[in-house]
N, C-alpha and C. Protein backbone atom coordinates (compact mmCIF):
# COMPACT_ATOMS: atom_id res chain seq x y z
N MET A 1 100.18 75.12 114.50
CA MET A 1 100.36 76.48 114.48
C MET A 1 100.35 76.74 115.65
N ASN A 2 101.34 76.23 116.66
CA ASN A 2 101.09 76.90 118.38
C ASN A 2 102.27 77.61 118.06
N PHE A 3 103.51 77.95 117.42
CA PHE A 3 104.21 78.86 117.31
C PHE A 3 103.36 80.61 117.36
N LEU A 4 102.35 80.41 116.79
CA LEU A 4 101.44 81.45 116.12
C LEU A 4 100.25 81.75 117.41
N SER A 5 100.52 81.00 118.39
CA SER A 5 99.55 81.10 119.49
C SER A 5 98.07 81.05 119.04
N TYR A 6 98.22 80.28 118.10
CA TYR A 6 96.60 79.92 117.72
C TYR A 6 95.97 79.06 118.32
N ASP A 7 94.33 79.31 118.59
CA ASP A 7 93.45 78.75 119.39
C ASP A 7 92.56 78.99 118.97
N LYS A 8 91.96 77.58 118.39
CA LYS A 8 90.93 76.84 117.30
C LYS A 8 89.42 77.31 117.92
N ASN A 9 89.48 77.37 119.10
CA ASN A 9 88.39 77.20 120.26
C ASN A 9 87.95 78.90 120.13
N LYS A 10 89.01 79.76 119.81
CA LYS A 10 88.66 81.06 120.25
C LYS A 10 87.96 82.13 118.62
N ARG A 11 87.05 82.66 118.90
CA ARG A 11 86.72 83.52 117.91
C ARG A 11 87.14 84.53 117.52
N LEU A 12 87.70 84.60 116.12
CA LEU A 12 88.45 85.30 115.49
C LEU A 12 87.27 86.70 115.57
N GLU A 13 87.93 88.04 115.50
CA GLU A 13 87.13 89.13 115.57
C GLU A 13 88.17 90.10 114.71
N PHE A 14 87.55 90.56 113.78
CA PHE A 14 88.19 91.34 112.88
C PHE A 14 88.01 93.13 113.15
N HIS A 15 88.65 93.37 114.23
CA HIS A 15 88.64 94.94 114.51
C HIS A 15 89.33 95.82 113.97
N HIS A 16 90.41 95.91 112.90
CA HIS A 16 91.13 96.79 112.42
C HIS A 16 90.59 96.95 111.02
N LYS A 17 89.36 96.86 110.50
CA LYS A 17 89.11 96.99 108.81
C LYS A 17 89.26 98.21 108.68
N LYS A 18 88.76 99.33 109.36
CA LYS A 18 88.72 100.68 108.69
C LYS A 18 90.02 101.14 108.80
N SER A 19 90.97 100.89 109.64
CA SER A 19 92.44 101.18 109.48
C SER A 19 93.37 100.74 108.30
N CYS A 20 92.69 99.40 107.69
CA CYS A 20 93.38 98.79 106.90
C CYS A 20 92.57 99.61 105.62
N GLY A 21 91.45 99.93 105.66
CA GLY A 21 90.65 100.62 104.53
C GLY A 21 91.28 101.76 103.79
N LEU A 22 91.66 102.84 105.00
CA LEU A 22 92.54 103.97 104.77
C LEU A 22 93.47 103.55 104.28
N TRP A 23 94.72 102.51 104.57
CA TRP A 23 95.83 102.14 104.16
C TRP A 23 95.69 101.84 102.27
N LEU A 24 94.71 100.89 102.62
CA LEU A 24 94.63 100.95 101.15
C LEU A 24 94.26 101.83 100.05
N ILE A 25 93.38 102.83 100.50
CA ILE A 25 93.27 103.90 99.75
C ILE A 25 94.17 104.85 99.63
N VAL A 26 94.89 105.13 100.54
CA VAL A 26 96.12 106.04 100.59
C VAL A 26 97.24 105.23 99.61
N VAL A 27 97.48 103.77 99.76
CA VAL A 27 98.45 102.92 98.96
C VAL A 27 98.06 103.45 97.67
N ALA A 28 96.69 103.17 97.31
CA ALA A 28 96.05 103.16 95.81
C ALA A 28 96.79 104.48 95.26
N PHE A 29 96.26 105.59 96.16
CA PHE A 29 96.52 106.89 95.76
C PHE A 29 98.11 106.96 95.28
N VAL A 30 99.01 106.15 95.88
CA VAL A 30 100.42 106.47 95.92
C VAL A 30 100.87 105.54 94.55
N ILE A 31 99.95 104.51 94.37
CA ILE A 31 100.81 103.69 93.15
C ILE A 31 99.87 104.53 91.98
N ALA A 32 98.87 105.12 91.78
CA ALA A 32 98.51 105.85 90.82
C ALA A 32 99.14 106.99 90.59
N VAL A 33 99.58 107.68 91.69
CA VAL A 33 100.31 108.77 91.15
C VAL A 33 102.15 108.48 90.76
N ALA A 34 102.58 107.56 91.64
CA ALA A 34 103.71 107.10 90.81
C ALA A 34 103.82 106.65 89.44
N THR A 35 102.55 106.03 89.17
CA THR A 35 102.45 105.39 87.78
C THR A 35 102.24 106.32 86.75
N PHE A 36 101.70 107.59 87.09
CA PHE A 36 101.08 108.92 86.13
C PHE A 36 102.54 109.46 86.15
N VAL A 37 103.80 109.48 87.25
CA VAL A 37 104.35 110.21 87.17
C VAL A 37 105.54 109.36 86.22
N GLY A 38 105.30 108.14 86.44
CA GLY A 38 106.22 107.20 85.54
C GLY A 38 107.76 107.52 85.16
N GLY A 39 108.15 107.25 84.41
CA GLY A 39 109.36 107.45 84.04
C GLY A 39 110.20 106.52 83.61
N LYS A 40 111.62 106.43 83.28
CA LYS A 40 112.24 105.30 83.12
C LYS A 40 112.01 103.74 83.38
N GLN A 41 111.51 103.68 85.04
CA GLN A 41 111.01 102.71 85.75
C GLN A 41 109.73 102.14 85.75
N ILE A 42 108.83 102.89 84.52
CA ILE A 42 107.63 102.75 84.33
C ILE A 42 106.51 103.63 85.56
N ILE A 43 106.60 102.74 87.13
CA ILE A 43 106.11 103.23 88.06
C ILE A 43 107.30 104.06 88.55
N ASN A 44 107.17 105.50 89.02
CA ASN A 44 108.13 106.07 89.59
C ASN A 44 108.83 105.55 90.87
N MET A 45 109.84 104.86 91.09
CA MET A 45 110.23 104.20 92.17
C MET A 45 110.36 105.27 93.49
N PRO A 46 111.37 106.18 93.23
CA PRO A 46 111.36 107.38 94.45
C PRO A 46 110.36 107.60 94.81
N LEU A 47 109.32 107.98 94.18
CA LEU A 47 107.72 108.68 94.53
C LEU A 47 107.13 107.42 95.25
N PHE A 48 107.15 106.20 94.64
CA PHE A 48 106.38 105.03 95.25
C PHE A 48 107.39 104.87 96.65
N SER A 49 108.17 104.81 96.90
CA SER A 49 109.02 104.25 97.86
C SER A 49 108.70 105.38 99.07
N ILE A 50 108.91 106.67 98.83
CA ILE A 50 108.51 107.93 99.91
C ILE A 50 107.14 107.85 100.23
N GLY A 51 105.97 107.69 99.27
CA GLY A 51 104.88 107.74 99.49
C GLY A 51 104.21 106.30 100.61
N TYR A 52 105.08 105.11 99.85
CA TYR A 52 104.49 103.96 101.04
C TYR A 52 105.03 104.12 101.99
N VAL A 53 106.39 104.73 102.11
CA VAL A 53 107.24 104.60 103.84
C VAL A 53 106.13 105.85 104.46
N VAL A 54 105.85 107.21 103.76
CA VAL A 54 104.96 108.15 104.58
C VAL A 54 103.78 107.68 105.17
N SER A 55 103.16 107.13 104.28
CA SER A 55 101.75 106.57 104.54
C SER A 55 101.70 105.51 105.62
N PHE A 56 102.39 104.70 105.47
CA PHE A 56 102.59 103.37 106.19
C PHE A 56 103.09 103.86 107.83
N LEU A 57 104.41 104.85 107.81
CA LEU A 57 104.35 105.52 109.49
C LEU A 57 103.06 106.37 109.60
N SER A 58 102.69 106.84 109.06
CA SER A 58 101.18 107.92 109.13
C SER A 58 99.94 107.45 109.46
N ILE A 59 99.71 105.96 108.98
CA ILE A 59 98.61 105.42 109.42
C ILE A 59 98.87 104.16 110.08
N ASN A 60 99.78 103.19 109.98
CA ASN A 60 99.78 102.04 110.60
C ASN A 60 100.41 102.25 111.55
N MET A 61 101.42 103.25 112.05
CA MET A 61 102.52 103.49 112.91
C MET A 61 101.84 104.31 114.09
N ASN A 62 100.95 105.02 113.89
CA ASN A 62 100.16 105.88 114.17
C ASN A 62 98.87 105.61 115.14
N LYS A 63 99.18 105.20 116.39
CA LYS A 63 98.35 104.27 117.46
C LYS A 63 97.15 105.08 117.60
N LYS A 64 97.32 106.47 117.91
CA LYS A 64 96.06 107.26 118.00
C LYS A 64 95.28 107.24 117.00
N LEU A 65 95.54 106.98 115.58
CA LEU A 65 94.59 106.80 114.39
C LEU A 65 94.14 105.83 114.28
N VAL A 66 94.81 104.39 114.48
CA VAL A 66 94.61 103.29 114.27
C VAL A 66 93.63 102.66 115.68
N ASN A 67 93.67 103.32 116.80
CA ASN A 67 92.89 103.03 117.77
C ASN A 67 91.51 103.69 117.73
N LYS A 68 91.32 105.00 117.34
CA LYS A 68 90.38 105.71 116.39
C LYS A 68 89.36 104.92 115.74
N LEU A 69 90.12 104.25 115.00
CA LEU A 69 89.27 103.57 113.72
C LEU A 69 88.96 101.87 113.98
N SER A 70 89.50 101.51 115.34
CA SER A 70 89.27 100.17 115.37
C SER A 70 88.07 100.32 116.31
N THR A 71 87.46 98.61 116.50
CA THR A 71 86.34 98.54 117.42
C THR A 71 86.84 97.64 118.42
N GLY A 72 88.58 97.18 118.67
CA GLY A 72 89.03 96.53 119.59
C GLY A 72 90.27 96.09 119.51
N SER A 73 90.82 95.24 120.25
CA SER A 73 92.17 94.61 119.90
C SER A 73 91.92 93.69 119.07
N SER A 74 93.49 93.06 118.56
CA SER A 74 93.61 92.14 117.72
C SER A 74 94.40 91.28 118.99
N THR A 75 93.97 89.84 118.57
CA THR A 75 95.14 88.67 119.35
C THR A 75 96.29 88.82 119.13
N GLU A 76 97.10 87.65 119.91
CA GLU A 76 98.34 87.49 120.06
C GLU A 76 98.50 87.12 118.45
N PHE A 77 97.69 85.98 117.85
CA PHE A 77 97.71 85.20 116.98
C PHE A 77 97.73 86.26 115.50
N GLN A 78 96.70 87.32 115.86
CA GLN A 78 96.58 88.18 114.78
C GLN A 78 97.69 88.87 114.54
N ASN A 79 98.26 89.35 115.58
CA ASN A 79 99.38 90.25 115.39
C ASN A 79 100.73 89.59 114.80
N LYS A 80 100.84 88.37 115.23
CA LYS A 80 101.85 87.63 114.89
C LYS A 80 101.66 87.45 113.13
N ILE A 81 100.38 87.11 112.68
CA ILE A 81 99.88 86.78 111.47
C ILE A 81 100.26 88.36 110.74
N ALA A 82 99.86 89.12 110.86
CA ALA A 82 100.35 90.65 110.46
C ALA A 82 101.89 90.72 110.37
N LYS A 83 102.68 90.37 111.46
CA LYS A 83 103.81 90.53 111.03
C LYS A 83 104.58 89.43 110.57
N TYR A 84 104.20 88.47 110.36
CA TYR A 84 104.82 87.33 109.29
C TYR A 84 104.35 87.78 108.02
N SER A 85 103.11 88.17 107.64
CA SER A 85 102.51 88.33 106.37
C SER A 85 103.38 89.54 105.80
N VAL A 86 103.78 90.29 106.67
CA VAL A 86 104.54 91.55 106.27
C VAL A 86 105.80 91.19 105.54
N PHE A 87 106.25 90.44 106.57
CA PHE A 87 108.06 89.87 106.41
C PHE A 87 107.75 88.96 105.02
N LEU A 88 106.53 88.03 104.72
CA LEU A 88 106.82 87.40 103.59
C LEU A 88 106.53 88.28 102.41
N LEU A 89 105.71 89.69 102.46
CA LEU A 89 105.91 90.70 101.32
C LEU A 89 107.29 90.69 101.04
N PHE A 90 107.89 91.06 101.87
CA PHE A 90 109.44 91.68 101.40
C PHE A 90 110.05 90.24 100.87
N ILE A 91 110.23 89.10 101.28
CA ILE A 91 110.80 87.79 101.03
C ILE A 91 110.23 87.71 99.51
N LEU A 92 108.92 87.66 99.18
CA LEU A 92 108.38 87.75 98.11
C LEU A 92 108.84 88.45 97.03
N MET A 93 108.78 89.91 97.41
CA MET A 93 109.48 90.93 96.20
C MET A 93 110.87 90.53 96.10
N PHE A 94 111.43 90.36 97.23
CA PHE A 94 113.16 89.70 96.53
C PHE A 94 112.96 88.90 95.47
N LEU A 95 112.30 87.58 95.74
CA LEU A 95 112.27 86.50 95.03
C LEU A 95 111.56 86.63 93.48
N LEU A 96 110.44 87.73 93.76
CA LEU A 96 109.45 87.81 92.11
C LEU A 96 110.22 88.68 91.52
N GLY A 97 110.71 89.89 92.27
CA GLY A 97 110.94 91.02 91.42
C GLY A 97 112.30 91.38 91.56
N GLY A 98 112.98 91.02 92.51
CA GLY A 98 114.45 91.30 92.81
C GLY A 98 115.49 90.56 91.46
N PRO A 99 115.18 89.78 91.26
CA PRO A 99 116.13 89.08 89.90
C PRO A 99 116.45 90.21 88.94
N PHE A 100 115.28 90.82 88.44
CA PHE A 100 115.03 91.64 87.24
C PHE A 100 115.64 93.15 87.29
N PHE A 101 116.10 93.48 88.75
CA PHE A 101 116.78 94.63 88.89
C PHE A 101 118.23 94.68 88.05
N ALA A 102 119.07 93.86 88.05
CA ALA A 102 120.05 93.68 87.36
C ALA A 102 119.90 94.11 85.76
N THR A 103 118.86 93.48 85.05
CA THR A 103 118.88 93.86 83.67
C THR A 103 118.00 95.12 83.49
N GLU A 104 117.50 95.57 84.58
CA GLU A 104 116.72 96.76 84.36
C GLU A 104 115.18 96.43 83.72
N ASN A 105 114.87 95.50 83.96
CA ASN A 105 113.52 95.03 83.36
C ASN A 105 112.17 95.35 84.29
N TRP A 106 111.98 96.57 84.09
CA TRP A 106 111.08 97.23 85.43
C TRP A 106 109.90 96.67 85.16
N ARG A 107 109.14 96.41 84.33
CA ARG A 107 108.27 95.50 84.00
C ARG A 107 108.05 94.63 84.76
N LEU A 108 108.86 93.58 84.89
CA LEU A 108 109.07 92.19 85.59
C LEU A 108 109.38 92.55 87.03
N VAL A 109 110.25 93.64 87.59
CA VAL A 109 110.16 94.01 88.71
C VAL A 109 109.19 94.57 89.26
N TRP A 110 108.17 95.20 88.55
CA TRP A 110 107.01 95.63 89.20
C TRP A 110 106.04 94.72 89.22
N LEU A 111 105.73 93.93 87.98
CA LEU A 111 104.87 92.79 88.32
C LEU A 111 105.32 91.60 89.65
N GLY A 112 106.60 91.58 89.91
CA GLY A 112 106.72 91.01 90.88
C GLY A 112 106.27 90.98 92.07
N ALA A 113 106.71 92.68 92.12
CA ALA A 113 106.07 93.59 93.72
C ALA A 113 104.96 93.48 93.66
N LEU A 114 104.15 93.45 92.47
CA LEU A 114 102.62 93.41 92.82
C LEU A 114 102.16 92.34 92.94
N LEU A 115 102.88 91.30 92.55
CA LEU A 115 102.17 89.72 92.80
C LEU A 115 102.80 89.37 94.05
N ALA A 116 103.64 89.78 94.58
CA ALA A 116 104.20 89.70 95.70
C ALA A 116 103.14 90.12 97.01
N THR A 117 102.83 91.47 96.57
CA THR A 117 101.80 92.25 97.65
C THR A 117 100.32 91.40 97.70
N ALA A 118 100.03 91.33 96.18
CA ALA A 118 98.89 90.46 96.19
C ALA A 118 98.83 89.01 97.10
N LEU A 119 100.00 88.28 97.12
CA LEU A 119 99.95 86.89 97.77
C LEU A 119 100.02 87.44 99.37
N HIS A 120 100.54 88.26 99.75
CA HIS A 120 100.60 88.59 100.93
C HIS A 120 99.34 88.86 101.77
N PHE A 121 98.25 89.51 100.94
CA PHE A 121 96.95 89.54 101.17
C PHE A 121 96.53 88.26 102.11
N PHE A 122 96.69 87.04 101.28
CA PHE A 122 95.65 86.09 101.80
C PHE A 122 96.11 85.53 103.15
N PRO A 123 97.14 85.87 103.96
CA PRO A 123 97.49 85.31 105.40
C PRO A 123 96.67 86.39 106.02
N PHE A 124 96.50 87.33 105.80
CA PHE A 124 95.54 88.87 106.07
C PHE A 124 94.17 88.49 106.49
N TYR A 125 93.85 87.50 105.98
CA TYR A 125 92.28 86.81 105.98
C TYR A 125 92.05 86.83 107.64
N PHE A 126 93.42 86.55 108.63
CA PHE A 126 92.90 86.21 109.88
C PHE A 126 92.91 87.11 110.73
N VAL A 127 93.42 88.31 109.82
CA VAL A 127 93.39 89.85 110.67
C VAL A 127 92.23 90.71 110.19
N HIS A 128 91.90 90.58 108.98
CA HIS A 128 90.89 91.41 108.42
C HIS A 128 89.44 90.64 107.85
N GLY A 129 89.54 89.52 107.63
CA GLY A 129 88.36 88.77 107.19
C GLY A 129 88.16 88.21 105.92
N ASN A 130 87.28 88.05 105.46
CA ASN A 130 86.86 87.49 104.07
C ASN A 130 87.46 88.46 102.94
N SER A 131 87.75 89.76 103.19
CA SER A 131 87.95 91.07 102.06
C SER A 131 89.34 90.73 101.47
N MET A 132 90.07 90.11 102.69
CA MET A 132 91.74 89.93 102.11
C MET A 132 91.73 88.87 101.09
N ILE A 133 90.78 87.80 101.19
CA ILE A 133 90.95 86.76 100.05
C ILE A 133 90.60 87.69 98.61
N VAL A 134 89.20 88.21 99.04
CA VAL A 134 88.96 88.94 97.60
C VAL A 134 89.66 89.83 97.09
N LEU A 135 90.61 90.62 97.71
CA LEU A 135 91.51 91.47 97.39
C LEU A 135 92.73 90.96 96.78
N GLY A 136 93.33 89.56 97.62
CA GLY A 136 94.43 88.65 96.89
C GLY A 136 93.74 88.20 95.81
N ILE A 137 92.51 87.82 95.43
CA ILE A 137 92.63 86.97 94.17
C ILE A 137 92.45 88.18 92.95
N LEU A 138 91.77 89.03 93.52
CA LEU A 138 91.64 90.36 92.39
C LEU A 138 92.56 90.78 91.89
N CYS A 139 93.57 90.99 93.01
CA CYS A 139 94.97 91.49 92.39
C CYS A 139 96.13 90.28 92.07
N THR A 140 95.69 89.30 92.24
CA THR A 140 96.36 88.17 91.55
C THR A 140 96.15 88.13 90.01
N ILE A 141 94.98 88.02 90.00
CA ILE A 141 94.29 87.93 88.57
C ILE A 141 95.00 89.07 87.36
N ASN A 142 94.95 90.34 88.48
CA ASN A 142 95.30 91.70 87.43
C ASN A 142 96.62 91.22 86.80
N VAL A 143 97.74 91.05 88.05
CA VAL A 143 98.99 90.44 87.93
C VAL A 143 99.19 89.53 86.78
N ALA A 144 98.49 88.30 86.81
CA ALA A 144 98.66 87.49 85.75
C ALA A 144 98.47 87.90 84.72
N ILE A 145 97.43 88.47 84.31
CA ILE A 145 97.16 89.43 82.91
C ILE A 145 98.50 89.93 82.54
N GLY A 146 99.25 90.65 83.65
CA GLY A 146 100.26 91.16 82.87
C GLY A 146 101.69 90.07 82.67
N TYR A 147 101.47 89.02 83.20
CA TYR A 147 102.51 88.23 82.86
C TYR A 147 101.97 87.36 81.61
N ILE A 148 100.89 87.30 81.39
CA ILE A 148 100.35 86.33 80.48
C ILE A 148 100.45 86.94 79.00
N PHE A 149 100.13 88.23 79.61
CA PHE A 149 99.56 89.27 77.74
C PHE A 149 100.61 90.27 78.22
N PRO A 150 102.04 90.61 77.40
CA PRO A 150 103.20 91.19 77.80
C PRO A 150 102.65 92.79 76.81
N SER A 151 101.91 92.57 76.02
CA SER A 151 101.19 93.78 75.25
C SER A 151 100.48 94.55 76.15
N VAL A 152 100.13 94.04 77.07
CA VAL A 152 99.26 94.97 78.20
C VAL A 152 100.30 95.93 78.87
N GLU A 153 100.13 97.01 78.45
CA GLU A 153 101.07 97.98 79.12
C GLU A 153 100.80 97.72 80.65
N LEU A 154 102.06 98.00 81.45
CA LEU A 154 102.31 97.90 82.86
C LEU A 154 101.69 98.81 83.87
N ALA A 155 101.65 100.06 82.93
CA ALA A 155 100.64 101.09 83.61
C ALA A 155 99.50 100.69 83.79
N HIS A 156 98.44 100.44 82.91
CA HIS A 156 97.53 99.84 82.78
C HIS A 156 96.79 98.61 83.70
N ILE A 157 97.81 97.89 84.23
CA ILE A 157 98.17 97.01 85.20
C ILE A 157 98.11 97.56 86.77
N ALA A 158 99.14 98.60 86.77
CA ALA A 158 99.13 99.47 88.00
C ALA A 158 98.20 100.10 88.47
N TYR A 159 97.57 100.94 87.31
CA TYR A 159 96.11 101.51 87.32
C TYR A 159 94.87 100.68 87.76
N LEU A 160 94.92 99.65 87.48
CA LEU A 160 93.92 98.47 87.71
C LEU A 160 94.17 98.01 89.30
N ASP A 161 95.33 97.77 89.43
CA ASP A 161 95.62 97.33 91.01
C ASP A 161 95.27 98.63 91.69
N ALA A 162 95.86 99.85 91.50
CA ALA A 162 95.43 100.79 92.25
C ALA A 162 93.92 101.19 92.69
N ALA A 163 93.22 100.68 91.77
CA ALA A 163 91.70 100.64 91.39
C ALA A 163 90.86 99.64 92.33
N ILE A 164 91.66 98.45 92.45
CA ILE A 164 91.33 97.29 93.25
C ILE A 164 91.32 97.60 94.89
N LYS A 165 92.30 98.19 94.85
CA LYS A 165 92.96 98.47 96.52
C LYS A 165 91.84 99.60 96.88
N LEU A 166 91.75 100.73 95.97
CA LEU A 166 91.03 101.79 96.28
C LEU A 166 89.83 101.41 96.70
N LEU A 167 89.15 100.50 95.82
CA LEU A 167 87.57 100.01 95.83
C LEU A 167 87.31 98.97 97.36
N VAL A 168 88.42 98.15 97.34
CA VAL A 168 88.54 97.29 98.81
C VAL A 168 88.31 98.45 99.60
N GLY A 169 89.47 99.27 99.66
CA GLY A 169 89.87 100.03 100.73
C GLY A 169 88.05 101.14 101.25
N VAL A 170 87.86 101.79 100.42
CA VAL A 170 86.65 102.05 100.43
C VAL A 170 85.72 101.57 100.97
N TYR A 171 85.40 100.14 100.84
CA TYR A 171 84.23 99.19 101.21
C TYR A 171 85.13 98.89 102.86
N LEU A 172 86.04 98.59 103.05
CA LEU A 172 86.60 98.47 104.55
C LEU A 172 86.07 99.85 105.29
N LEU A 173 86.72 100.76 104.82
CA LEU A 173 86.45 102.32 105.45
C LEU A 173 85.27 102.40 105.87
N PHE A 174 84.29 102.67 104.83
CA PHE A 174 82.92 103.18 104.98
C PHE A 174 81.99 102.10 105.16
N PHE A 175 81.88 100.86 104.52
CA PHE A 175 80.85 100.02 104.79
C PHE A 175 81.11 98.84 105.63
N SER A 176 82.09 98.59 105.98
CA SER A 176 82.32 97.33 106.44
C SER A 176 81.83 97.10 108.25
N ARG A 177 81.80 96.05 108.51
CA ARG A 177 81.25 96.17 110.07
C ARG A 177 82.10 95.28 110.86
N GLN A 178 82.11 95.49 112.01
CA GLN A 178 82.93 94.14 112.99
C GLN A 178 82.61 93.01 112.34
N SER A 179 83.49 92.29 112.18
CA SER A 179 82.79 91.00 111.82
C SER A 179 83.57 89.93 112.88
N ASN A 180 83.09 88.29 112.82
CA ASN A 180 83.81 87.53 113.46
C ASN A 180 83.76 86.14 112.93
N HIS A 181 84.75 85.48 113.14
CA HIS A 181 84.85 83.86 112.59
C HIS A 181 85.17 83.06 113.44
N LYS A 182 84.30 81.68 113.37
CA LYS A 182 84.42 80.63 114.69
C LYS A 182 85.19 79.98 113.58
N SER A 183 86.55 79.53 114.36
CA SER A 183 87.32 78.78 113.41
C SER A 183 86.75 77.21 113.47
N SER A 184 85.86 76.90 114.38
CA SER A 184 85.67 75.30 113.74
C SER A 184 84.80 75.16 112.57
N GLY A 185 85.18 75.80 111.46
CA GLY A 185 84.19 75.22 110.61
C GLY A 185 83.10 76.10 109.89
N LYS A 186 82.57 76.91 110.96
CA LYS A 186 81.30 77.90 110.62
C LYS A 186 81.62 78.74 109.86
N LYS A 187 80.37 79.24 108.94
CA LYS A 187 80.65 80.38 108.32
C LYS A 187 81.29 81.43 109.20
N SER A 188 81.67 82.50 108.46
CA SER A 188 82.50 83.83 109.17
C SER A 188 81.27 84.72 108.59
N ILE A 189 80.96 85.76 109.43
CA ILE A 189 80.06 86.61 109.60
C ILE A 189 80.81 87.85 109.26
N GLU A 190 80.73 88.55 108.15
CA GLU A 190 81.35 89.41 107.54
C GLU A 190 80.57 90.22 106.32
N SER A 191 80.47 91.50 106.27
CA SER A 191 79.80 92.33 105.03
C SER A 191 80.80 92.84 104.52
């Protein structure tokens, strides 16, 4: 993992949990509102897209807010992981949901998008800690239910996805503490 500037002897510290928590809370709200408004696409795509972009810019790109919520700086490795994870998200969305745009199978478009999102949380373990593994697993199980049981309405899957993100977001924003992880195989310290 040299291209990622990974130093296995350096302790990972997770300084941006609170800003991640705020982001998850806002995205949960966007998903819930877009699902409530609904329409032909089940989850209102224009509303979701606008809400996602506005919240991304106002939270993740707002250095003043991120610095206020952070307890320190990310390493070069963590910054690269974050960028590659977002890049992975869009590749997975294209592969998992994209093929169904032509047939307007909105259920499979959204399940693909939600699964892509769930999977992209796993590498964020290196940026935000164990909570990203929990989030990824819970969201993946939720989406798997949607794939396995077509009788379960997509709106229910979307509301549960929003609830999972909301709960993890509240935990990260209000209850988590700075944590670190020694990469040499020792247990991480995270609450």
